[in-house]
Amino acid sequence: MKQFAIEAIGGTQGWEIAGFNIAFTNSAMWMLITTVVLFVFVLGGMKRELVPGRWQMMVETFTGFIDNMLEANIGKEGRKYVPYVFSLFMFILIANLIGLLPLGLFGIHPFTFTSHFTVTGVLAIISFSIVLIVGFWKHGLHFFSLFVPHGTPLPMVPVIAPIEFISFMVRPFSLALRLFVAMMAGHVLLKVLSSFVIDGTNAGAGFGALVGLPSFLLMIGISALEILVAGIQAYVFALLTSLYINDAEHLH
């Protein structure tokens, strides 16, 4: 589990403020790297040439993908959320993919910060906060009608409303947990398989052929699956965010 350990870069001494340590960690460093990569990616696609190049076309493809998703789930009102959902989707996608890069061959060990519940939890809370702000800003106290589906018989309201409220409040937790579990489980599995490869090979040619080789082939397949999961989890996070925003925009 050492691959998930958060370590301060340059030590923790002298970084205390009001009893809290704010030392720059490996997690923060890779968040910064992801942010820079995202900024450079978007900046390279803002040339607005009449005949777009490959980079501009790639940025426009991702932007159009998010725009279409928001329009399908929210309607025309969804276009104003494109910058946020696009940034959210690309940030998670780039973070997931960077964590899979075989940079260990060059002595660099990428840190998959989306495998930490604190990180995915903050992203989920930001999305949930937007839902609450939009809901109360647009509908006021009528936003509470979200917990009473249209057409609910009056005698059922005391039963349905608490269930809907609990379901609503669980959303940020489930949103964060889904991404955290998917990324952590994949990296743990790859680590276990790599140990089979190394230990099997060190045990001799027989164990290497019997255990090491199948584990190595399985690692290749799991790595390909993890690349797919990296994209799917970013998409699911963005999709659920758009669905939750739709509830705030239109209620039931």
C-alpha atoms as a PDB file:
ATOM      1  CA  MET A   1       0.000   0.000   0.000  1.00  0.00           C
ATOM      2  CA  LYS A   2       3.049   2.265  -0.059  1.00  0.00           C
ATOM      3  CA  GLN A   3       1.998   3.559  -3.472  1.00  0.00           C
ATOM      4  CA  PHE A   4      -0.918   5.358  -1.765  1.00  0.00           C
ATOM      5  CA  ALA A   5       1.151   6.924   1.040  1.00  0.00           C
ATOM      6  CA  ILE A   6       1.081  10.722   1.129  1.00  0.00           C
ATOM      7  CA  GLU A   7       4.571  12.029   1.836  1.00  0.00           C
ATOM      8  CA  ALA A   8       5.758  15.565   2.367  1.00  0.00           C
ATOM      9  CA  ILE A   9       8.312  16.783  -0.155  1.00  0.00           C
ATOM     10  CA  GLY A  10      11.213  18.349   1.717  1.00  0.00           C
ATOM     11  CA  GLY A  11       9.961  17.381   5.159  1.00  0.00           C
ATOM     12  CA  THR A  12       7.240  18.730   7.427  1.00  0.00           C
ATOM     13  CA  GLN A  13       9.279  21.008   9.695  1.00  0.00           C
ATOM     14  CA  GLY A  14       8.376  24.688   9.569  1.00  0.00           C
ATOM     15  CA  TRP A  15       5.065  24.179   7.807  1.00  0.00           C
ATOM     16  CA  GLU A  16       2.773  24.511  10.813  1.00  0.00           C
ATOM     17  CA  ILE A  17      -0.045  27.079  10.749  1.00  0.00           C
ATOM     18  CA  ALA A  18      -2.592  27.152  13.588  1.00  0.00           C
ATOM     19  CA  GLY A  19      -1.726  23.559  14.434  1.00  0.00           C
ATOM     20  CA  PHE A  20      -2.166  22.330  10.875  1.00  0.00           C
ATOM     21  CA  ASN A  21       0.688  21.099   8.727  1.00  0.00           C
ATOM     22  CA  ILE A  22       0.546  22.530   5.192  1.00  0.00           C
ATOM     23  CA  ALA A  23       3.687  20.885   3.807  1.00  0.00           C
ATOM     24  CA  PHE A  24       3.773  20.365   0.030  1.00  0.00           C
ATOM     25  CA  THR A  25       3.131  16.663  -0.570  1.00  0.00           C
ATOM     26  CA  ASN A  26       3.486  14.229  -3.445  1.00  0.00           C
ATOM     27  CA  SER A  27      -0.307  14.333  -3.825  1.00  0.00           C
ATOM     28  CA  ALA A  28      -0.282  18.132  -4.146  1.00  0.00           C
ATOM     29  CA  MET A  29       2.611  17.957  -6.621  1.00  0.00           C
ATOM     30  CA  TRP A  30       0.767  15.596  -8.943  1.00  0.00           C
ATOM     31  CA  MET A  31      -2.391  17.690  -8.648  1.00  0.00           C
ATOM     32  CA  LEU A  32      -0.308  20.656  -9.756  1.00  0.00           C
ATOM     33  CA  ILE A  33       1.167  18.658 -12.630  1.00  0.00           C
ATOM     34  CA  THR A  34      -2.324  17.575 -13.700  1.00  0.00           C
ATOM     35  CA  THR A  35      -3.527  21.181 -13.584  1.00  0.00           C
ATOM     36  CA  VAL A  36      -0.591  22.345 -15.696  1.00  0.00           C
ATOM     37  CA  VAL A  37      -1.171  19.565 -18.244  1.00  0.00           C
ATOM     38  CA  LEU A  38      -4.863  20.497 -18.437  1.00  0.00           C
ATOM     39  CA  PHE A  39      -4.007  24.198 -18.846  1.00  0.00           C
ATOM     40  CA  VAL A  40      -1.488  23.490 -21.624  1.00  0.00           C
ATOM     41  CA  PHE A  41      -3.960  21.125 -23.314  1.00  0.00           C
ATOM     42  CA  VAL A  42      -6.712  23.741 -23.396  1.00  0.00           C
ATOM     43  CA  LEU A  43      -4.338  26.584 -24.263  1.00  0.00           C
ATOM     44  CA  GLY A  44      -3.033  24.663 -27.269  1.00  0.00           C
ATOM     45  CA  GLY A  45      -6.583  24.260 -28.586  1.00  0.00           C
ATOM     46  CA  MET A  46      -7.557  27.946 -28.380  1.00  0.00           C
ATOM     47  CA  LYS A  47      -5.951  29.018 -31.666  1.00  0.00           C
ATOM     48  CA  ARG A  48      -9.394  29.155 -33.350  1.00  0.00           C
ATOM     49  CA  GLU A  49      -7.988  28.516 -36.799  1.00  0.00           C
ATOM     50  CA  LEU A  50     -10.435  28.216 -39.680  1.00  0.00           C
ATOM     51  CA  VAL A  51      -8.938  24.839 -40.532  1.00  0.00           C
ATOM     52  CA  PRO A  52      -8.229  23.349 -37.096  1.00  0.00           C
ATOM     53  CA  GLY A  53      -5.104  21.347 -36.469  1.00  0.00           C
ATOM     54  CA  ARG A  54      -5.058  18.045 -34.621  1.00  0.00           C
ATOM     55  CA  TRP A  55      -4.604  19.640 -31.205  1.00  0.00           C
ATOM     56  CA  GLN A  56      -7.388  22.164 -31.698  1.00  0.00           C
ATOM     57  CA  MET A  57      -9.642  19.450 -33.094  1.00  0.00           C
ATOM     58  CA  MET A  58      -8.966  17.242 -30.080  1.00  0.00           C
ATOM     59  CA  VAL A  59      -9.856  20.045 -27.634  1.00  0.00           C
ATOM     60  CA  GLU A  60     -12.974  20.910 -29.615  1.00  0.00           C
ATOM     61  CA  THR A  61     -13.966  17.236 -29.679  1.00  0.00           C
ATOM     62  CA  PHE A  62     -13.809  16.954 -25.894  1.00  0.00           C
ATOM     63  CA  THR A  63     -15.587  20.296 -25.461  1.00  0.00           C
ATOM     64  CA  GLY A  64     -18.307  19.269 -27.913  1.00  0.00           C
ATOM     65  CA  PHE A  65     -18.666  15.933 -26.133  1.00  0.00           C
ATOM     66  CA  ILE A  66     -19.305  17.636 -22.787  1.00  0.00           C
ATOM     67  CA  ASP A  67     -21.575  20.234 -24.407  1.00  0.00           C
ATOM     68  CA  ASN A  68     -23.707  17.515 -26.019  1.00  0.00           C
ATOM     69  CA  MET A  69     -23.879  15.583 -22.749  1.00  0.00           C
ATOM     70  CA  LEU A  70     -25.065  18.632 -20.817  1.00  0.00           C
ATOM     71  CA  GLU A  71     -27.599  19.579 -23.478  1.00  0.00           C
ATOM     72  CA  ALA A  72     -28.965  16.026 -23.498  1.00  0.00           C
ATOM     73  CA  ASN A  73     -29.307  15.917 -19.705  1.00  0.00           C
ATOM     74  CA  ILE A  74     -30.138  19.525 -18.810  1.00  0.00           C
ATOM     75  CA  GLY A  75     -31.221  21.195 -22.028  1.00  0.00           C
ATOM     76  CA  LYS A  76     -30.141  24.601 -23.332  1.00  0.00           C
ATOM     77  CA  GLU A  77     -29.583  25.764 -19.751  1.00  0.00           C
ATOM     78  CA  GLY A  78     -26.742  23.252 -19.513  1.00  0.00           C
ATOM     79  CA  ARG A  79     -24.415  25.246 -21.745  1.00  0.00           C
ATOM     80  CA  LYS A  80     -23.426  27.609 -18.936  1.00  0.00           C
ATOM     81  CA  TYR A  81     -22.035  24.638 -17.007  1.00  0.00           C
ATOM     82  CA  VAL A  82     -19.737  23.487 -19.835  1.00  0.00           C
ATOM     83  CA  PRO A  83     -16.580  25.187 -18.424  1.00  0.00           C
ATOM     84  CA  TYR A  84     -16.977  23.540 -15.020  1.00  0.00           C
ATOM     85  CA  VAL A  85     -18.010  20.049 -16.171  1.00  0.00           C
ATOM     86  CA  PHE A  86     -15.369  20.077 -18.925  1.00  0.00           C
ATOM     87  CA  SER A  87     -12.654  21.050 -16.409  1.00  0.00           C
ATOM     88  CA  LEU A  88     -13.920  18.419 -13.966  1.00  0.00           C
ATOM     89  CA  PHE A  89     -13.979  15.680 -16.619  1.00  0.00           C
ATOM     90  CA  MET A  90     -10.553  16.504 -18.042  1.00  0.00           C
ATOM     91  CA  PHE A  91      -8.953  16.939 -14.597  1.00  0.00           C
ATOM     92  CA  ILE A  92     -10.099  13.482 -13.481  1.00  0.00           C
ATOM     93  CA  LEU A  93      -9.248  11.892 -16.839  1.00  0.00           C
ATOM     94  CA  ILE A  94      -5.718  13.327 -16.958  1.00  0.00           C
ATOM     95  CA  ALA A  95      -5.119  12.425 -13.294  1.00  0.00           C
ATOM     96  CA  ASN A  96      -6.237   8.837 -13.887  1.00  0.00           C
ATOM     97  CA  LEU A  97      -4.106   8.450 -17.013  1.00  0.00           C
ATOM     98  CA  ILE A  98      -0.988  10.025 -15.492  1.00  0.00           C
ATOM     99  CA  GLY A  99      -1.238   7.540 -12.638  1.00  0.00           C
ATOM    100  CA  LEU A 100      -0.989   4.697 -15.156  1.00  0.00           C
ATOM    101  CA  LEU A 101       2.090   5.966 -16.973  1.00  0.00           C
ATOM    102  CA  PRO A 102       5.106   3.599 -16.623  1.00  0.00           C
ATOM    103  CA  LEU A 103       7.352   6.422 -15.453  1.00  0.00           C
ATOM    104  CA  GLY A 104       8.921   4.113 -12.882  1.00  0.00           C
ATOM    105  CA  LEU A 105      11.261   3.019 -15.670  1.00  0.00           C
ATOM    106  CA  PHE A 106      12.857   6.478 -15.388  1.00  0.00           C
ATOM    107  CA  GLY A 107      12.824   6.598 -11.594  1.00  0.00           C
ATOM    108  CA  ILE A 108       9.640   8.703 -11.396  1.00  0.00           C
ATOM    109  CA  HIS A 109       6.688   7.227  -9.546  1.00  0.00           C
ATOM    110  CA  PRO A 110       3.395   8.943 -10.470  1.00  0.00           C
ATOM    111  CA  PHE A 111       0.905   9.359  -7.648  1.00  0.00           C
ATOM    112  CA  THR A 112      -2.747   8.628  -8.447  1.00  0.00           C
ATOM    113  CA  PHE A 113      -4.418  11.149  -6.157  1.00  0.00           C
ATOM    114  CA  THR A 114      -7.903  10.091  -7.348  1.00  0.00           C
ATOM    115  CA  SER A 115      -7.295   6.902  -5.349  1.00  0.00           C
ATOM    116  CA  HIS A 116      -7.736   8.980  -2.176  1.00  0.00           C
ATOM    117  CA  PHE A 117     -11.234   9.529  -0.841  1.00  0.00           C
ATOM    118  CA  THR A 118     -10.320  12.988   0.466  1.00  0.00           C
ATOM    119  CA  VAL A 119      -9.587  14.182  -3.088  1.00  0.00           C
ATOM    120  CA  THR A 120     -12.610  12.612  -4.759  1.00  0.00           C
ATOM    121  CA  GLY A 121     -14.690  13.762  -1.776  1.00  0.00           C
ATOM    122  CA  VAL A 122     -13.700  17.400  -2.297  1.00  0.00           C
ATOM    123  CA  LEU A 123     -14.548  17.153  -6.012  1.00  0.00           C
ATOM    124  CA  ALA A 124     -17.927  15.655  -5.118  1.00  0.00           C
ATOM    125  CA  ILE A 125     -18.593  18.360  -2.513  1.00  0.00           C
ATOM    126  CA  ILE A 126     -17.827  21.076  -5.082  1.00  0.00           C
ATOM    127  CA  SER A 127     -20.340  19.555  -7.514  1.00  0.00           C
ATOM    128  CA  PHE A 128     -22.899  19.091  -4.734  1.00  0.00           C
ATOM    129  CA  SER A 129     -22.412  22.694  -3.600  1.00  0.00           C
ATOM    130  CA  ILE A 130     -23.124  23.922  -7.132  1.00  0.00           C
ATOM    131  CA  VAL A 131     -26.335  21.878  -7.124  1.00  0.00           C
ATOM    132  CA  LEU A 132     -27.447  23.445  -3.827  1.00  0.00           C
ATOM    133  CA  ILE A 133     -26.513  26.982  -4.890  1.00  0.00           C
ATOM    134  CA  VAL A 134     -28.298  26.669  -8.235  1.00  0.00           C
ATOM    135  CA  GLY A 135     -31.329  25.015  -6.658  1.00  0.00           C
ATOM    136  CA  PHE A 136     -31.897  27.619  -3.938  1.00  0.00           C
ATOM    137  CA  TRP A 137     -30.893  30.533  -6.196  1.00  0.00           C
ATOM    138  CA  LYS A 138     -33.372  29.556  -8.887  1.00  0.00           C
ATOM    139  CA  HIS A 139     -36.235  28.072  -6.867  1.00  0.00           C
ATOM    140  CA  GLY A 140     -35.818  29.370  -3.326  1.00  0.00           C
ATOM    141  CA  LEU A 141     -37.558  27.261  -0.710  1.00  0.00           C
ATOM    142  CA  HIS A 142     -39.493  25.551  -3.510  1.00  0.00           C
ATOM    143  CA  PHE A 143     -36.281  23.568  -4.018  1.00  0.00           C
ATOM    144  CA  PHE A 144     -37.430  21.336  -1.150  1.00  0.00           C
ATOM    145  CA  SER A 145     -40.179  20.042  -3.454  1.00  0.00           C
ATOM    146  CA  LEU A 146     -37.396  17.940  -4.992  1.00  0.00           C
ATOM    147  CA  PHE A 147     -37.929  15.551  -2.101  1.00  0.00           C
ATOM    148  CA  VAL A 148     -41.611  15.071  -2.960  1.00  0.00           C
ATOM    149  CA  PRO A 149     -41.938  13.623  -6.499  1.00  0.00           C
ATOM    150  CA  HIS A 150     -44.797  15.039  -8.538  1.00  0.00           C
ATOM    151  CA  GLY A 151     -47.987  13.016  -8.137  1.00  0.00           C
ATOM    152  CA  THR A 152     -47.064  11.544  -4.751  1.00  0.00           C
ATOM    153  CA  PRO A 153     -50.269  10.826  -2.753  1.00  0.00           C
ATOM    154  CA  LEU A 154     -50.517  13.055   0.314  1.00  0.00           C
ATOM    155  CA  PRO A 155     -50.542  10.154   2.818  1.00  0.00           C
ATOM    156  CA  MET A 156     -47.251   8.906   1.321  1.00  0.00           C
ATOM    157  CA  VAL A 157     -45.422  12.241   1.641  1.00  0.00           C
ATOM    158  CA  PRO A 158     -44.155  11.589   5.230  1.00  0.00           C
ATOM    159  CA  VAL A 159     -42.673   8.313   3.991  1.00  0.00           C
ATOM    160  CA  ILE A 160     -41.333   9.372   0.576  1.00  0.00           C
ATOM    161  CA  ALA A 161     -39.834  12.730   1.610  1.00  0.00           C
ATOM    162  CA  PRO A 162     -37.323  11.338   4.166  1.00  0.00           C
ATOM    163  CA  ILE A 163     -36.263   8.615   1.734  1.00  0.00           C
ATOM    164  CA  GLU A 164     -35.738  11.167  -1.055  1.00  0.00           C
ATOM    165  CA  PHE A 165     -33.842  13.452   1.334  1.00  0.00           C
ATOM    166  CA  ILE A 166     -31.491  10.669   2.455  1.00  0.00           C
ATOM    167  CA  SER A 167     -30.978   9.620  -1.161  1.00  0.00           C
ATOM    168  CA  PHE A 168     -30.137  13.224  -2.056  1.00  0.00           C
ATOM    169  CA  MET A 169     -27.671  13.656   0.817  1.00  0.00           C
ATOM    170  CA  VAL A 170     -25.895  10.385  -0.036  1.00  0.00           C
ATOM    171  CA  ARG A 171     -25.122  11.615  -3.557  1.00  0.00           C
ATOM    172  CA  PRO A 172     -21.763  13.286  -2.853  1.00  0.00           C
ATOM    173  CA  PHE A 173     -20.617  10.277  -0.831  1.00  0.00           C
ATOM    174  CA  SER A 174     -21.510   7.774  -3.557  1.00  0.00           C
ATOM    175  CA  LEU A 175     -20.049  10.051  -6.241  1.00  0.00           C
ATOM    176  CA  ALA A 176     -16.710  10.244  -4.422  1.00  0.00           C
ATOM    177  CA  LEU A 177     -16.673   6.600  -3.351  1.00  0.00           C
ATOM    178  CA  ARG A 178     -17.214   5.265  -6.879  1.00  0.00           C
ATOM    179  CA  LEU A 179     -14.131   6.992  -8.321  1.00  0.00           C
ATOM    180  CA  PHE A 180     -11.974   6.321  -5.258  1.00  0.00           C
ATOM    181  CA  VAL A 181     -12.745   2.581  -5.161  1.00  0.00           C
ATOM    182  CA  ALA A 182     -12.314   2.048  -8.899  1.00  0.00           C
ATOM    183  CA  MET A 183      -8.886   3.689  -9.033  1.00  0.00           C
ATOM    184  CA  MET A 184      -7.583   2.193  -5.799  1.00  0.00           C
ATOM    185  CA  ALA A 185      -8.716  -1.354  -6.651  1.00  0.00           C
ATOM    186  CA  GLY A 186      -7.092  -1.235 -10.080  1.00  0.00           C
ATOM    187  CA  HIS A 187      -3.727  -0.095  -8.755  1.00  0.00           C
ATOM    188  CA  VAL A 188      -3.769  -2.643  -5.943  1.00  0.00           C
ATOM    189  CA  LEU A 189      -4.485  -5.416  -8.454  1.00  0.00           C
ATOM    190  CA  LEU A 190      -1.626  -4.325 -10.693  1.00  0.00           C
ATOM    191  CA  LYS A 191       0.708  -4.204  -7.683  1.00  0.00           C
ATOM    192  CA  VAL A 192      -0.275  -7.731  -6.626  1.00  0.00           C
ATOM    193  CA  LEU A 193       0.232  -9.108 -10.138  1.00  0.00           C
ATOM    194  CA  SER A 194       3.607  -7.390 -10.449  1.00  0.00           C
ATOM    195  CA  SER A 195       4.708  -9.045  -7.202  1.00  0.00           C
ATOM    196  CA  PHE A 196       3.704 -12.421  -8.688  1.00  0.00           C
ATOM    197  CA  VAL A 197       5.840 -11.677 -11.741  1.00  0.00           C
ATOM    198  CA  ILE A 198       8.891 -10.636  -9.707  1.00  0.00           C
ATOM    199  CA  ASP A 199       8.648 -13.365  -7.062  1.00  0.00           C
ATOM    200  CA  GLY A 200       7.869 -16.064  -9.626  1.00  0.00           C
ATOM    201  CA  THR A 201      10.829 -15.059 -11.771  1.00  0.00           C
ATOM    202  CA  ASN A 202      13.189 -14.917  -8.774  1.00  0.00           C
ATOM    203  CA  ALA A 203      12.050 -18.390  -7.675  1.00  0.00           C
ATOM    204  CA  GLY A 204      13.420 -19.987 -10.837  1.00  0.00           C
ATOM    205  CA  ALA A 205      12.566 -20.761 -14.442  1.00  0.00           C
ATOM    206  CA  GLY A 206       9.796 -23.197 -13.528  1.00  0.00           C
ATOM    207  CA  PHE A 207       7.944 -20.782 -11.270  1.00  0.00           C
ATOM    208  CA  GLY A 208       8.638 -18.002 -13.749  1.00  0.00           C
ATOM    209  CA  ALA A 209       6.892 -19.912 -16.525  1.00  0.00           C
ATOM    210  CA  LEU A 210       4.092 -21.177 -14.291  1.00  0.00           C
ATOM    211  CA  VAL A 211       3.352 -18.023 -12.282  1.00  0.00           C
ATOM    212  CA  GLY A 212       5.355 -15.098 -13.627  1.00  0.00           C
ATOM    213  CA  LEU A 213       4.467 -15.327 -17.323  1.00  0.00           C
ATOM    214  CA  PRO A 214       0.665 -15.722 -16.871  1.00  0.00           C
ATOM    215  CA  SER A 215       0.700 -12.892 -14.329  1.00  0.00           C
ATOM    216  CA  PHE A 216       2.613 -10.681 -16.755  1.00  0.00           C
ATOM    217  CA  LEU A 217       0.140 -11.387 -19.557  1.00  0.00           C
ATOM    218  CA  LEU A 218      -2.722 -10.697 -17.171  1.00  0.00           C
ATOM    219  CA  MET A 219      -1.054  -7.428 -16.186  1.00  0.00           C
ATOM    220  CA  ILE A 220      -1.098  -6.317 -19.813  1.00  0.00           C
ATOM    221  CA  GLY A 221      -4.815  -7.019 -20.034  1.00  0.00           C
ATOM    222  CA  ILE A 222      -5.546  -5.329 -16.691  1.00  0.00           C
ATOM    223  CA  SER A 223      -3.491  -2.288 -17.732  1.00  0.00           C
ATOM    224  CA  ALA A 224      -5.575  -1.946 -20.902  1.00  0.00           C
ATOM    225  CA  LEU A 225      -8.721  -2.307 -18.794  1.00  0.00           C
ATOM    226  CA  GLU A 226      -7.459   0.349 -16.375  1.00  0.00           C
ATOM    227  CA  ILE A 227      -7.026   2.810 -19.260  1.00  0.00           C
ATOM    228  CA  LEU A 228     -10.657   2.167 -20.162  1.00  0.00           C
ATOM    229  CA  VAL A 229     -11.725   2.513 -16.518  1.00  0.00           C
ATOM    230  CA  ALA A 230      -9.827   5.827 -16.271  1.00  0.00           C
ATOM    231  CA  GLY A 231     -11.983   7.248 -19.049  1.00  0.00           C
ATOM    232  CA  ILE A 232     -15.214   5.660 -17.861  1.00  0.00           C
ATOM    233  CA  GLN A 233     -14.838   6.934 -14.298  1.00  0.00           C
ATOM    234  CA  ALA A 234     -14.165  10.480 -15.498  1.00  0.00           C
ATOM    235  CA  TYR A 235     -17.237  10.253 -17.737  1.00  0.00           C
ATOM    236  CA  VAL A 236     -19.450   8.818 -14.983  1.00  0.00           C
ATOM    237  CA  PHE A 237     -18.378  11.563 -12.564  1.00  0.00           C
ATOM    238  CA  ALA A 238     -19.178  14.256 -15.142  1.00  0.00           C
ATOM    239  CA  LEU A 239     -22.426  12.544 -16.188  1.00  0.00           C
ATOM    240  CA  LEU A 240     -23.757  12.228 -12.632  1.00  0.00           C
ATOM    241  CA  THR A 241     -22.779  15.834 -11.955  1.00  0.00           C
ATOM    242  CA  SER A 242     -24.829  16.929 -14.961  1.00  0.00           C
ATOM    243  CA  LEU A 243     -27.793  14.819 -13.807  1.00  0.00           C
ATOM    244  CA  TYR A 244     -27.647  16.336 -10.335  1.00  0.00           C
ATOM    245  CA  ILE A 245     -27.469  19.844 -11.802  1.00  0.00           C
ATOM    246  CA  ASN A 246     -30.496  18.986 -13.924  1.00  0.00           C
ATOM    247  CA  ASP A 247     -32.442  18.248 -10.718  1.00  0.00           C
ATOM    248  CA  ALA A 248     -31.469  21.691  -9.429  1.00  0.00           C
ATOM    249  CA  GLU A 249     -32.489  23.361 -12.679  1.00  0.00           C
ATOM    250  CA  HIS A 250     -35.805  21.626 -13.283  1.00  0.00           C
ATOM    251  CA  LEU A 251     -36.672  19.840 -10.025  1.00  0.00           C
ATOM    252  CA  HIS A 252     -39.072  16.951 -10.787  1.00  0.00           C
END
